[in-house]
Amino acid sequence: MMRSLLFIVLLILTTSCSNSKKNTVTDSQFHGEFLYLADAAVLNTGTEIYGVITDEKMHELHDLCVPLKREEFDMIPVYIKGKVEKKDPNEEGWENRIRITSIDSLVNPKDMTIIKPN
């Protein structure tokens, strides 16, 4: 009886600890070229292309990039933090999408200066 009770307690502790690790999502840092046109945004890191989730942070990044563009299709180098999410199978677009959580800096392609938002 004591042995089975100990086994149950250990099983509960083990599963509760492993579940807490799975639910912890950390922000990752990304560096790549950002482009937003009409209704779609992408981040090209050189090794992978991510769709960017259109929300307030994405629009904030776009507003910072607009003055740096020479042409409509210019991609602006950015450093951001965000969370990668898989797209819903019923949606169109890139398999992996980024939800921007913070904007670290941008690089002005005209003179290679680094711009840090407030």
PDB file of N, CA and C in Angstrom:
ATOM      1  N   MET A   1       0.821  -1.191   0.000  1.00  0.00           N
ATOM      2  CA  MET A   1       0.000   0.000   0.000  1.00  0.00           C
ATOM      3  C   MET A   1       0.866   1.256   0.000  1.00  0.00           C
ATOM      4  N   MET A   2       1.853   1.278   0.875  1.00  0.00           N
ATOM      5  CA  MET A   2       2.748   2.427   0.971  1.00  0.00           C
ATOM      6  C   MET A   2       3.524   2.626  -0.334  1.00  0.00           C
ATOM      7  N   ARG A   3       3.927   1.526  -0.931  1.00  0.00           N
ATOM      8  CA  ARG A   3       4.687   1.576  -2.169  1.00  0.00           C
ATOM      9  C   ARG A   3       3.844   2.164  -3.304  1.00  0.00           C
ATOM     10  N   SER A   4       2.595   1.770  -3.427  1.00  0.00           N
ATOM     11  CA  SER A   4       1.730   2.294  -4.487  1.00  0.00           C
ATOM     12  C   SER A   4       1.395   3.770  -4.237  1.00  0.00           C
ATOM     13  N   LEU A   5       1.254   4.184  -2.986  1.00  0.00           N
ATOM     14  CA  LEU A   5       1.001   5.584  -2.668  1.00  0.00           C
ATOM     15  C   LEU A   5       2.210   6.435  -3.051  1.00  0.00           C
ATOM     16  N   LEU A   6       3.402   5.953  -2.748  1.00  0.00           N
ATOM     17  CA  LEU A   6       4.630   6.653  -3.115  1.00  0.00           C
ATOM     18  C   LEU A   6       4.751   6.763  -4.637  1.00  0.00           C
ATOM     19  N   PHE A   7       4.419   5.688  -5.328  1.00  0.00           N
ATOM     20  CA  PHE A   7       4.457   5.691  -6.798  1.00  0.00           C
ATOM     21  C   PHE A   7       3.499   6.737  -7.379  1.00  0.00           C
ATOM     22  N   ILE A   8       2.302   6.838  -6.832  1.00  0.00           N
ATOM     23  CA  ILE A   8       1.312   7.808  -7.316  1.00  0.00           C
ATOM     24  C   ILE A   8       1.799   9.239  -7.068  1.00  0.00           C
ATOM     25  N   VAL A   9       2.355   9.496  -5.885  1.00  0.00           N
ATOM     26  CA  VAL A   9       2.866  10.832  -5.567  1.00  0.00           C
ATOM     27  C   VAL A   9       4.002  11.202  -6.516  1.00  0.00           C
ATOM     28  N   LEU A  10       4.924  10.282  -6.769  1.00  0.00           N
ATOM     29  CA  LEU A  10       6.024  10.549  -7.689  1.00  0.00           C
ATOM     30  C   LEU A  10       5.519  10.785  -9.113  1.00  0.00           C
ATOM     31  N   LEU A  11       4.528  10.030  -9.518  1.00  0.00           N
ATOM     32  CA  LEU A  11       3.954  10.193 -10.847  1.00  0.00           C
ATOM     33  C   LEU A  11       3.312  11.571 -10.998  1.00  0.00           C
ATOM     34  N   ILE A  12       2.585  12.014  -9.991  1.00  0.00           N
ATOM     35  CA  ILE A  12       1.947  13.333 -10.027  1.00  0.00           C
ATOM     36  C   ILE A  12       2.995  14.436 -10.080  1.00  0.00           C
ATOM     37  N   LEU A  13       4.026  14.335  -9.259  1.00  0.00           N
ATOM     38  CA  LEU A  13       5.078  15.345  -9.248  1.00  0.00           C
ATOM     39  C   LEU A  13       5.824  15.396 -10.584  1.00  0.00           C
ATOM     40  N   THR A  14       6.098  14.253 -11.148  1.00  0.00           N
ATOM     41  CA  THR A  14       6.825  14.195 -12.414  1.00  0.00           C
ATOM     42  C   THR A  14       6.014  14.817 -13.546  1.00  0.00           C
ATOM     43  N   THR A  15       4.750  14.486 -13.646  1.00  0.00           N
ATOM     44  CA  THR A  15       3.936  15.033 -14.732  1.00  0.00           C
ATOM     45  C   THR A  15       3.658  16.510 -14.541  1.00  0.00           C
ATOM     46  N   SER A  16       3.511  16.978 -13.322  1.00  0.00           N
ATOM     47  CA  SER A  16       3.264  18.402 -13.116  1.00  0.00           C
ATOM     48  C   SER A  16       4.504  19.218 -13.453  1.00  0.00           C
ATOM     49  N   CYS A  17       5.683  18.714 -13.171  1.00  0.00           N
ATOM     50  CA  CYS A  17       6.914  19.422 -13.513  1.00  0.00           C
ATOM     51  C   CYS A  17       7.127  19.458 -15.013  1.00  0.00           C
ATOM     52  N   SER A  18       6.880  18.376 -15.696  1.00  0.00           N
ATOM     53  CA  SER A  18       7.106  18.358 -17.134  1.00  0.00           C
ATOM     54  C   SER A  18       6.099  19.237 -17.860  1.00  0.00           C
ATOM     55  N   ASN A  19       4.869  19.368 -17.373  1.00  0.00           N
ATOM     56  CA  ASN A  19       3.882  20.234 -18.003  1.00  0.00           C
ATOM     57  C   ASN A  19       4.249  21.704 -17.864  1.00  0.00           C
ATOM     58  N   SER A  20       4.834  22.091 -16.744  1.00  0.00           N
ATOM     59  CA  SER A  20       5.194  23.487 -16.563  1.00  0.00           C
ATOM     60  C   SER A  20       6.302  23.892 -17.533  1.00  0.00           C
ATOM     61  N   LYS A  21       7.189  23.002 -17.877  1.00  0.00           N
ATOM     62  CA  LYS A  21       8.242  23.314 -18.839  1.00  0.00           C
ATOM     63  C   LYS A  21       7.678  23.472 -20.245  1.00  0.00           C
ATOM     64  N   LYS A  22       6.679  22.708 -20.593  1.00  0.00           N
ATOM     65  CA  LYS A  22       6.090  22.781 -21.923  1.00  0.00           C
ATOM     66  C   LYS A  22       5.338  24.088 -22.132  1.00  0.00           C
ATOM     67  N   ASN A  23       4.747  24.635 -21.089  1.00  0.00           N
ATOM     68  CA  ASN A  23       3.951  25.845 -21.217  1.00  0.00           C
ATOM     69  C   ASN A  23       4.800  27.110 -21.225  1.00  0.00           C
ATOM     70  N   THR A  24       6.063  27.025 -20.875  1.00  0.00           N
ATOM     71  CA  THR A  24       6.936  28.182 -20.840  1.00  0.00           C
ATOM     72  C   THR A  24       7.415  28.496 -22.254  1.00  0.00           C
ATOM     73  N   VAL A  25       7.037  29.674 -22.734  1.00  0.00           N
ATOM     74  CA  VAL A  25       7.460  30.105 -24.062  1.00  0.00           C
ATOM     75  C   VAL A  25       8.335  31.328 -23.887  1.00  0.00           C
ATOM     76  N   THR A  26       9.528  31.289 -24.444  1.00  0.00           N
ATOM     77  CA  THR A  26      10.431  32.416 -24.318  1.00  0.00           C
ATOM     78  C   THR A  26      10.514  33.146 -25.649  1.00  0.00           C
ATOM     79  N   ASP A  27      10.812  34.428 -25.572  1.00  0.00           N
ATOM     80  CA  ASP A  27      11.016  35.211 -26.780  1.00  0.00           C
ATOM     81  C   ASP A  27      12.377  34.868 -27.362  1.00  0.00           C
ATOM     82  N   SER A  28      12.420  34.754 -28.659  1.00  0.00           N
ATOM     83  CA  SER A  28      13.678  34.526 -29.356  1.00  0.00           C
ATOM     84  C   SER A  28      14.067  35.800 -30.078  1.00  0.00           C
ATOM     85  N   GLN A  29      15.361  35.976 -30.281  1.00  0.00           N
ATOM     86  CA  GLN A  29      15.835  37.149 -31.007  1.00  0.00           C
ATOM     87  C   GLN A  29      16.024  36.783 -32.468  1.00  0.00           C
ATOM     88  N   PHE A  30      15.613  37.680 -33.352  1.00  0.00           N
ATOM     89  CA  PHE A  30      15.710  37.465 -34.789  1.00  0.00           C
ATOM     90  C   PHE A  30      16.371  38.665 -35.443  1.00  0.00           C
ATOM     91  N   HIS A  31      17.161  38.388 -36.467  1.00  0.00           N
ATOM     92  CA  HIS A  31      17.741  39.428 -37.307  1.00  0.00           C
ATOM     93  C   HIS A  31      17.414  39.055 -38.739  1.00  0.00           C
ATOM     94  N   GLY A  32      16.861  39.970 -39.461  1.00  0.00           N
ATOM     95  CA  GLY A  32      16.536  39.684 -40.848  1.00  0.00           C
ATOM     96  C   GLY A  32      16.023  40.919 -41.550  1.00  0.00           C
ATOM     97  N   GLU A  33      15.573  40.719 -42.773  1.00  0.00           N
ATOM     98  CA  GLU A  33      15.045  41.811 -43.577  1.00  0.00           C
ATOM     99  C   GLU A  33      13.524  41.773 -43.527  1.00  0.00           C
ATOM    100  N   PHE A  34      12.932  42.906 -43.182  1.00  0.00           N
ATOM    101  CA  PHE A  34      11.489  43.010 -42.977  1.00  0.00           C
ATOM    102  C   PHE A  34      10.841  43.735 -44.148  1.00  0.00           C
ATOM    103  N   LEU A  35       9.672  43.246 -44.560  1.00  0.00           N
ATOM    104  CA  LEU A  35       8.892  43.895 -45.612  1.00  0.00           C
ATOM    105  C   LEU A  35       7.412  43.721 -45.308  1.00  0.00           C
ATOM    106  N   TYR A  36       6.675  44.823 -45.426  1.00  0.00           N
ATOM    107  CA  TYR A  36       5.216  44.784 -45.278  1.00  0.00           C
ATOM    108  C   TYR A  36       4.607  45.460 -46.491  1.00  0.00           C
ATOM    109  N   LEU A  37       3.732  44.741 -47.176  1.00  0.00           N
ATOM    110  CA  LEU A  37       3.011  45.274 -48.324  1.00  0.00           C
ATOM    111  C   LEU A  37       1.537  44.945 -48.180  1.00  0.00           C
ATOM    112  N   ALA A  38       0.712  45.943 -48.249  1.00  0.00           N
ATOM    113  CA  ALA A  38      -0.746  45.813 -48.250  1.00  0.00           C
ATOM    114  C   ALA A  38      -1.277  44.993 -47.071  1.00  0.00           C
ATOM    115  N   ASP A  39      -1.273  43.676 -47.172  1.00  0.00           N
ATOM    116  CA  ASP A  39      -1.871  42.874 -46.111  1.00  0.00           C
ATOM    117  C   ASP A  39      -0.992  41.705 -45.683  1.00  0.00           C
ATOM    118  N   ALA A  40       0.287  41.736 -46.029  1.00  0.00           N
ATOM    119  CA  ALA A  40       1.187  40.639 -45.651  1.00  0.00           C
ATOM    120  C   ALA A  40       2.558  41.195 -45.274  1.00  0.00           C
ATOM    121  N   ALA A  41       3.131  40.601 -44.221  1.00  0.00           N
ATOM    122  CA  ALA A  41       4.461  40.997 -43.770  1.00  0.00           C
ATOM    123  C   ALA A  41       5.330  39.751 -43.667  1.00  0.00           C
ATOM    124  N   VAL A  42       6.623  39.900 -44.019  1.00  0.00           N
ATOM    125  CA  VAL A  42       7.557  38.782 -43.936  1.00  0.00           C
ATOM    126  C   VAL A  42       8.861  39.242 -43.298  1.00  0.00           C
ATOM    127  N   LEU A  43       9.565  38.271 -42.726  1.00  0.00           N
ATOM    128  CA  LEU A  43      10.907  38.472 -42.198  1.00  0.00           C
ATOM    129  C   LEU A  43      11.788  37.396 -42.798  1.00  0.00           C
ATOM    130  N   ASN A  44      12.779  37.822 -43.580  1.00  0.00           N
ATOM    131  CA  ASN A  44      13.721  36.897 -44.215  1.00  0.00           C
ATOM    132  C   ASN A  44      15.007  36.922 -43.400  1.00  0.00           C
ATOM    133  N   THR A  45      15.308  35.807 -42.713  1.00  0.00           N
ATOM    134  CA  THR A  45      16.505  35.757 -41.865  1.00  0.00           C
ATOM    135  C   THR A  45      17.741  35.267 -42.620  1.00  0.00           C
ATOM    136  N   GLY A  46      17.559  34.890 -43.864  1.00  0.00           N
ATOM    137  CA  GLY A  46      18.663  34.335 -44.631  1.00  0.00           C
ATOM    138  C   GLY A  46      18.635  32.822 -44.642  1.00  0.00           C
ATOM    139  N   THR A  47      18.159  32.225 -43.574  1.00  0.00           N
ATOM    140  CA  THR A  47      18.031  30.770 -43.515  1.00  0.00           C
ATOM    141  C   THR A  47      16.577  30.330 -43.548  1.00  0.00           C
ATOM    142  N   GLU A  48      15.675  31.257 -43.197  1.00  0.00           N
ATOM    143  CA  GLU A  48      14.255  30.924 -43.188  1.00  0.00           C
ATOM    144  C   GLU A  48      13.450  32.197 -43.417  1.00  0.00           C
ATOM    145  N   ILE A  49      12.272  32.026 -43.997  1.00  0.00           N
ATOM    146  CA  ILE A  49      11.351  33.141 -44.193  1.00  0.00           C
ATOM    147  C   ILE A  49      10.138  32.894 -43.305  1.00  0.00           C
ATOM    148  N   TYR A  50       9.819  33.900 -42.504  1.00  0.00           N
ATOM    149  CA  TYR A  50       8.690  33.819 -41.591  1.00  0.00           C
ATOM    150  C   TYR A  50       7.617  34.810 -42.029  1.00  0.00           C
ATOM    151  N   GLY A  51       6.366  34.419 -41.879  1.00  0.00           N
ATOM    152  CA  GLY A  51       5.296  35.389 -41.961  1.00  0.00           C
ATOM    153  C   GLY A  51       5.279  36.152 -40.647  1.00  0.00           C
ATOM    154  N   VAL A  52       4.915  37.420 -40.694  1.00  0.00           N
ATOM    155  CA  VAL A  52       4.828  38.212 -39.464  1.00  0.00           C
ATOM    156  C   VAL A  52       3.358  38.476 -39.187  1.00  0.00           C
ATOM    157  N   ILE A  53       2.943  38.180 -37.975  1.00  0.00           N
ATOM    158  CA  ILE A  53       1.547  38.363 -37.597  1.00  0.00           C
ATOM    159  C   ILE A  53       1.233  39.853 -37.572  1.00  0.00           C
ATOM    160  N   THR A  54       0.171  40.226 -38.282  1.00  0.00           N
ATOM    161  CA  THR A  54      -0.226  41.628 -38.383  1.00  0.00           C
ATOM    162  C   THR A  54      -0.951  42.041 -37.101  1.00  0.00           C
ATOM    163  N   ASP A  55      -0.257  42.854 -36.312  1.00  0.00           N
ATOM    164  CA  ASP A  55      -0.821  43.385 -35.078  1.00  0.00           C
ATOM    165  C   ASP A  55      -0.193  44.748 -34.812  1.00  0.00           C
ATOM    166  N   GLU A  56      -0.400  45.292 -33.633  1.00  0.00           N
ATOM    167  CA  GLU A  56       0.097  46.630 -33.305  1.00  0.00           C
ATOM    168  C   GLU A  56       1.621  46.726 -33.411  1.00  0.00           C
ATOM    169  N   LYS A  57       2.349  45.726 -32.916  1.00  0.00           N
ATOM    170  CA  LYS A  57       3.819  45.743 -32.969  1.00  0.00           C
ATOM    171  C   LYS A  57       4.325  45.689 -34.407  1.00  0.00           C
ATOM    172  N   MET A  58       3.670  44.905 -35.260  1.00  0.00           N
ATOM    173  CA  MET A  58       4.079  44.828 -36.659  1.00  0.00           C
ATOM    174  C   MET A  58       3.890  46.181 -37.329  1.00  0.00           C
ATOM    175  N   HIS A  59       2.769  46.857 -37.049  1.00  0.00           N
ATOM    176  CA  HIS A  59       2.530  48.184 -37.628  1.00  0.00           C
ATOM    177  C   HIS A  59       3.529  49.208 -37.091  1.00  0.00           C
ATOM    178  N   GLU A  60       3.908  49.064 -35.825  1.00  0.00           N
ATOM    179  CA  GLU A  60       4.922  49.952 -35.245  1.00  0.00           C
ATOM    180  C   GLU A  60       6.256  49.766 -35.981  1.00  0.00           C
ATOM    181  N   LEU A  61       6.640  48.524 -36.239  1.00  0.00           N
ATOM    182  CA  LEU A  61       7.877  48.259 -36.978  1.00  0.00           C
ATOM    183  C   LEU A  61       7.781  48.811 -38.395  1.00  0.00           C
ATOM    184  N   HIS A  62       6.654  48.611 -39.045  1.00  0.00           N
ATOM    185  CA  HIS A  62       6.467  49.129 -40.401  1.00  0.00           C
ATOM    186  C   HIS A  62       6.598  50.649 -40.430  1.00  0.00           C
ATOM    187  N   ASP A  63       5.998  51.332 -39.463  1.00  0.00           N
ATOM    188  CA  ASP A  63       6.079  52.795 -39.405  1.00  0.00           C
ATOM    189  C   ASP A  63       7.520  53.274 -39.238  1.00  0.00           C
ATOM    190  N   LEU A  64       8.340  52.510 -38.516  1.00  0.00           N
ATOM    191  CA  LEU A  64       9.751  52.857 -38.364  1.00  0.00           C
ATOM    192  C   LEU A  64      10.533  52.614 -39.660  1.00  0.00           C
ATOM    193  N   CYS A  65      10.101  51.629 -40.448  1.00  0.00           N
ATOM    194  CA  CYS A  65      10.810  51.268 -41.684  1.00  0.00           C
ATOM    195  C   CYS A  65      10.499  52.190 -42.856  1.00  0.00           C
ATOM    196  N   VAL A  66       9.308  52.742 -42.899  1.00  0.00           N
ATOM    197  CA  VAL A  66       8.873  53.545 -44.064  1.00  0.00           C
ATOM    198  C   VAL A  66       9.854  54.664 -44.415  1.00  0.00           C
ATOM    199  N   PRO A  67      10.316  55.481 -43.466  1.00  0.00           N
ATOM    200  CA  PRO A  67      11.231  56.565 -43.845  1.00  0.00           C
ATOM    201  C   PRO A  67      12.592  56.075 -44.371  1.00  0.00           C
ATOM    202  N   LEU A  68      12.936  54.823 -44.106  1.00  0.00           N
ATOM    203  CA  LEU A  68      14.234  54.290 -44.522  1.00  0.00           C
ATOM    204  C   LEU A  68      14.205  53.705 -45.931  1.00  0.00           C
ATOM    205  N   LYS A  69      13.024  53.491 -46.469  1.00  0.00           N
ATOM    206  CA  LYS A  69      12.895  52.856 -47.780  1.00  0.00           C
ATOM    207  C   LYS A  69      13.190  53.847 -48.903  1.00  0.00           C
ATOM    208  N   ARG A  70      13.887  53.356 -49.930  1.00  0.00           N
ATOM    209  CA  ARG A  70      14.090  54.135 -51.144  1.00  0.00           C
ATOM    210  C   ARG A  70      13.016  53.795 -52.165  1.00  0.00           C
ATOM    211  N   GLU A  71      12.591  52.522 -52.152  1.00  0.00           N
ATOM    212  CA  GLU A  71      11.544  52.041 -53.041  1.00  0.00           C
ATOM    213  C   GLU A  71      10.541  51.233 -52.235  1.00  0.00           C
ATOM    214  N   GLU A  72       9.362  51.036 -52.802  1.00  0.00           N
ATOM    215  CA  GLU A  72       8.289  50.342 -52.101  1.00  0.00           C
ATOM    216  C   GLU A  72       8.673  48.928 -51.667  1.00  0.00           C
ATOM    217  N   PHE A  73       9.497  48.237 -52.480  1.00  0.00           N
ATOM    218  CA  PHE A  73       9.822  46.842 -52.208  1.00  0.00           C
ATOM    219  C   PHE A  73      11.141  46.653 -51.456  1.00  0.00           C
ATOM    220  N   ASP A  74      11.727  47.733 -50.944  1.00  0.00           N
ATOM    221  CA  ASP A  74      12.956  47.611 -50.157  1.00  0.00           C
ATOM    222  C   ASP A  74      12.675  46.868 -48.860  1.00  0.00           C
ATOM    223  N   MET A  75      13.582  45.946 -48.526  1.00  0.00           N
ATOM    224  CA  MET A  75      13.498  45.240 -47.248  1.00  0.00           C
ATOM    225  C   MET A  75      14.485  45.906 -46.293  1.00  0.00           C
ATOM    226  N   ILE A  76      14.052  46.148 -45.079  1.00  0.00           N
ATOM    227  CA  ILE A  76      14.866  46.854 -44.095  1.00  0.00           C
ATOM    228  C   ILE A  76      15.415  45.857 -43.068  1.00  0.00           C
ATOM    229  N   PRO A  77      16.742  45.872 -42.837  1.00  0.00           N
ATOM    230  CA  PRO A  77      17.320  44.992 -41.814  1.00  0.00           C
ATOM    231  C   PRO A  77      16.840  45.401 -40.417  1.00  0.00           C
ATOM    232  N   VAL A  78      16.340  44.418 -39.669  1.00  0.00           N
ATOM    233  CA  VAL A  78      15.804  44.688 -38.330  1.00  0.00           C
ATOM    234  C   VAL A  78      16.301  43.649 -37.336  1.00  0.00           C
ATOM    235  N   TYR A  79      16.306  44.040 -36.079  1.00  0.00           N
ATOM    236  CA  TYR A  79      16.571  43.147 -34.952  1.00  0.00           C
ATOM    237  C   TYR A  79      15.326  43.205 -34.074  1.00  0.00           C
ATOM    238  N   ILE A  80      14.664  42.063 -33.922  1.00  0.00           N
ATOM    239  CA  ILE A  80      13.434  42.013 -33.140  1.00  0.00           C
ATOM    240  C   ILE A  80      13.459  40.826 -32.186  1.00  0.00           C
ATOM    241  N   LYS A  81      12.532  40.833 -31.262  1.00  0.00           N
ATOM    242  CA  LYS A  81      12.271  39.666 -30.421  1.00  0.00           C
ATOM    243  C   LYS A  81      10.839  39.249 -30.678  1.00  0.00           C
ATOM    244  N   GLY A  82      10.617  37.942 -30.649  1.00  0.00           N
ATOM    245  CA  GLY A  82       9.273  37.473 -30.909  1.00  0.00           C
ATOM    246  C   GLY A  82       9.116  36.010 -30.604  1.00  0.00           C
ATOM    247  N   LYS A  83       7.906  35.546 -30.834  1.00  0.00           N
ATOM    248  CA  LYS A  83       7.566  34.142 -30.605  1.00  0.00           C
ATOM    249  C   LYS A  83       7.170  33.525 -31.932  1.00  0.00           C
ATOM    250  N   VAL A  84       7.692  32.349 -32.205  1.00  0.00           N
ATOM    251  CA  VAL A  84       7.345  31.629 -33.424  1.00  0.00           C
ATOM    252  C   VAL A  84       6.093  30.803 -33.166  1.00  0.00           C
ATOM    253  N   GLU A  85       5.149  30.908 -34.071  1.00  0.00           N
ATOM    254  CA  GLU A  85       3.912  30.144 -33.978  1.00  0.00           C
ATOM    255  C   GLU A  85       3.692  29.419 -35.300  1.00  0.00           C
ATOM    256  N   LYS A  86       3.126  28.255 -35.233  1.00  0.00           N
ATOM    257  CA  LYS A  86       2.746  27.518 -36.446  1.00  0.00           C
ATOM    258  C   LYS A  86       1.429  28.080 -36.944  1.00  0.00           C
ATOM    259  N   LYS A  87       1.277  28.155 -38.260  1.00  0.00           N
ATOM    260  CA  LYS A  87       0.013  28.647 -38.798  1.00  0.00           C
ATOM    261  C   LYS A  87      -1.043  27.563 -38.723  1.00  0.00           C
ATOM    262  N   ASP A  88      -2.271  27.983 -38.711  1.00  0.00           N
ATOM    263  CA  ASP A  88      -3.404  27.064 -38.750  1.00  0.00           C
ATOM    264  C   ASP A  88      -3.398  26.371 -40.113  1.00  0.00           C
ATOM    265  N   PRO A  89      -3.612  25.066 -40.170  1.00  0.00           N
ATOM    266  CA  PRO A  89      -3.580  24.349 -41.458  1.00  0.00           C
ATOM    267  C   PRO A  89      -4.585  24.874 -42.481  1.00  0.00           C
ATOM    268  N   ASN A  90      -5.636  25.527 -42.025  1.00  0.00           N
ATOM    269  CA  ASN A  90      -6.650  26.055 -42.937  1.00  0.00           C
ATOM    270  C   ASN A  90      -6.318  27.440 -43.475  1.00  0.00           C
ATOM    271  N   GLU A  91      -5.257  28.064 -42.964  1.00  0.00           N
ATOM    272  CA  GLU A  91      -4.869  29.402 -43.391  1.00  0.00           C
ATOM    273  C   GLU A  91      -3.827  29.338 -44.495  1.00  0.00           C
ATOM    274  N   GLU A  92      -3.773  30.394 -45.292  1.00  0.00           N
ATOM    275  CA  GLU A  92      -2.731  30.518 -46.303  1.00  0.00           C
ATOM    276  C   GLU A  92      -1.527  31.203 -45.674  1.00  0.00           C
ATOM    277  N   GLY A  93      -0.384  31.063 -46.312  1.00  0.00           N
ATOM    278  CA  GLY A  93       0.788  31.787 -45.851  1.00  0.00           C
ATOM    279  C   GLY A  93       1.915  30.871 -45.419  1.00  0.00           C
ATOM    280  N   TRP A  94       2.926  31.495 -44.816  1.00  0.00           N
ATOM    281  CA  TRP A  94       4.114  30.780 -44.375  1.00  0.00           C
ATOM    282  C   TRP A  94       3.780  29.826 -43.240  1.00  0.00           C
ATOM    283  N   GLU A  95       4.471  28.707 -43.206  1.00  0.00           N
ATOM    284  CA  GLU A  95       4.260  27.682 -42.171  1.00  0.00           C
ATOM    285  C   GLU A  95       4.545  28.246 -40.773  1.00  0.00           C
ATOM    286  N   ASN A  96       5.666  28.957 -40.645  1.00  0.00           N
ATOM    287  CA  ASN A  96       6.048  29.554 -39.361  1.00  0.00           C
ATOM    288  C   ASN A  96       5.793  31.053 -39.402  1.00  0.00           C
ATOM    289  N   ARG A  97       5.189  31.544 -38.322  1.00  0.00           N
ATOM    290  CA  ARG A  97       4.903  32.965 -38.227  1.00  0.00           C
ATOM    291  C   ARG A  97       5.514  33.507 -36.942  1.00  0.00           C
ATOM    292  N   ILE A  98       5.877  34.775 -36.976  1.00  0.00           N
ATOM    293  CA  ILE A  98       6.449  35.425 -35.801  1.00  0.00           C
ATOM    294  C   ILE A  98       5.466  36.449 -35.271  1.00  0.00           C
ATOM    295  N   ARG A  99       5.275  36.413 -33.962  1.00  0.00           N
ATOM    296  CA  ARG A  99       4.524  37.469 -33.278  1.00  0.00           C
ATOM    297  C   ARG A  99       5.574  38.352 -32.612  1.00  0.00           C
ATOM    298  N   ILE A 100       5.721  39.575 -33.085  1.00  0.00           N
ATOM    299  CA  ILE A 100       6.741  40.488 -32.566  1.00  0.00           C
ATOM    300  C   ILE A 100       6.368  40.915 -31.156  1.00  0.00           C
ATOM    301  N   THR A 101       7.319  40.773 -30.233  1.00  0.00           N
ATOM    302  CA  THR A 101       7.093  41.217 -28.856  1.00  0.00           C
ATOM    303  C   THR A 101       7.861  42.496 -28.541  1.00  0.00           C
ATOM    304  N   SER A 102       9.012  42.696 -29.211  1.00  0.00           N
ATOM    305  CA  SER A 102       9.741  43.952 -29.031  1.00  0.00           C
ATOM    306  C   SER A 102      10.620  44.223 -30.245  1.00  0.00           C
ATOM    307  N   ILE A 103      10.883  45.503 -30.461  1.00  0.00           N
ATOM    308  CA  ILE A 103      11.727  45.944 -31.568  1.00  0.00           C
ATOM    309  C   ILE A 103      13.018  46.453 -30.959  1.00  0.00           C
ATOM    310  N   ASP A 104      14.130  45.784 -31.287  1.00  0.00           N
ATOM    311  CA  ASP A 104      15.415  46.190 -30.722  1.00  0.00           C
ATOM    312  C   ASP A 104      16.050  47.321 -31.521  1.00  0.00           C
ATOM    313  N   SER A 105      16.198  47.130 -32.840  1.00  0.00           N
ATOM    314  CA  SER A 105      16.809  48.169 -33.663  1.00  0.00           C
ATOM    315  C   SER A 105      16.578  47.890 -35.142  1.00  0.00           C
ATOM    316  N   LEU A 106      16.874  48.905 -35.955  1.00  0.00           N
ATOM    317  CA  LEU A 106      16.799  48.816 -37.408  1.00  0.00           C
ATOM    318  C   LEU A 106      18.116  49.312 -37.963  1.00  0.00           C
ATOM    319  N   VAL A 107      18.431  48.902 -39.179  1.00  0.00           N
ATOM    320  CA  VAL A 107      19.641  49.380 -39.838  1.00  0.00           C
ATOM    321  C   VAL A 107      19.217  50.192 -41.053  1.00  0.00           C
ATOM    322  N   ASN A 108      19.689  51.435 -41.113  1.00  0.00           N
ATOM    323  CA  ASN A 108      19.394  52.290 -42.257  1.00  0.00           C
ATOM    324  C   ASN A 108      20.220  51.809 -43.440  1.00  0.00           C
ATOM    325  N   PRO A 109      19.590  51.293 -44.507  1.00  0.00           N
ATOM    326  CA  PRO A 109      20.361  50.748 -45.630  1.00  0.00           C
ATOM    327  C   PRO A 109      21.114  51.817 -46.417  1.00  0.00           C
ATOM    328  N   LYS A 110      20.759  53.088 -46.250  1.00  0.00           N
ATOM    329  CA  LYS A 110      21.433  54.158 -46.989  1.00  0.00           C
ATOM    330  C   LYS A 110      22.839  54.413 -46.462  1.00  0.00           C
ATOM    331  N   ASP A 111      22.988  54.433 -45.142  1.00  0.00           N
ATOM    332  CA  ASP A 111      24.300  54.746 -44.570  1.00  0.00           C
ATOM    333  C   ASP A 111      24.748  53.753 -43.492  1.00  0.00           C
ATOM    334  N   MET A 112      23.988  52.646 -43.318  1.00  0.00           N
ATOM    335  CA  MET A 112      24.303  51.560 -42.385  1.00  0.00           C
ATOM    336  C   MET A 112      24.329  51.995 -40.922  1.00  0.00           C
ATOM    337  N   THR A 113      23.656  53.084 -40.582  1.00  0.00           N
ATOM    338  CA  THR A 113      23.556  53.498 -39.177  1.00  0.00           C
ATOM    339  C   THR A 113      22.480  52.656 -38.490  1.00  0.00           C
ATOM    340  N   ILE A 114      22.664  52.473 -37.206  1.00  0.00           N
ATOM    341  CA  ILE A 114      21.704  51.691 -36.407  1.00  0.00           C
ATOM    342  C   ILE A 114      20.737  52.643 -35.735  1.00  0.00           C
ATOM    343  N   ILE A 115      19.466  52.327 -35.853  1.00  0.00           N
ATOM    344  CA  ILE A 115      18.413  53.150 -35.276  1.00  0.00           C
ATOM    345  C   ILE A 115      17.735  52.348 -34.175  1.00  0.00           C
ATOM    346  N   LYS A 116      17.699  52.920 -32.971  1.00  0.00           N
ATOM    347  CA  LYS A 116      17.029  52.254 -31.847  1.00  0.00           C
ATOM    348  C   LYS A 116      15.751  53.042 -31.549  1.00  0.00           C
ATOM    349  N   PRO A 117      14.600  52.345 -31.579  1.00  0.00           N
ATOM    350  CA  PRO A 117      13.348  53.058 -31.266  1.00  0.00           C
ATOM    351  C   PRO A 117      13.295  53.429 -29.790  1.00  0.00           C
ATOM    352  N   ASN A 118      12.455  54.410 -29.493  1.00  0.00           N
ATOM    353  CA  ASN A 118      12.330  54.865 -28.092  1.00  0.00           C
ATOM    354  C   ASN A 118      11.780  53.814 -27.203  1.00  0.00           C
TER     355      ASN A 118
END
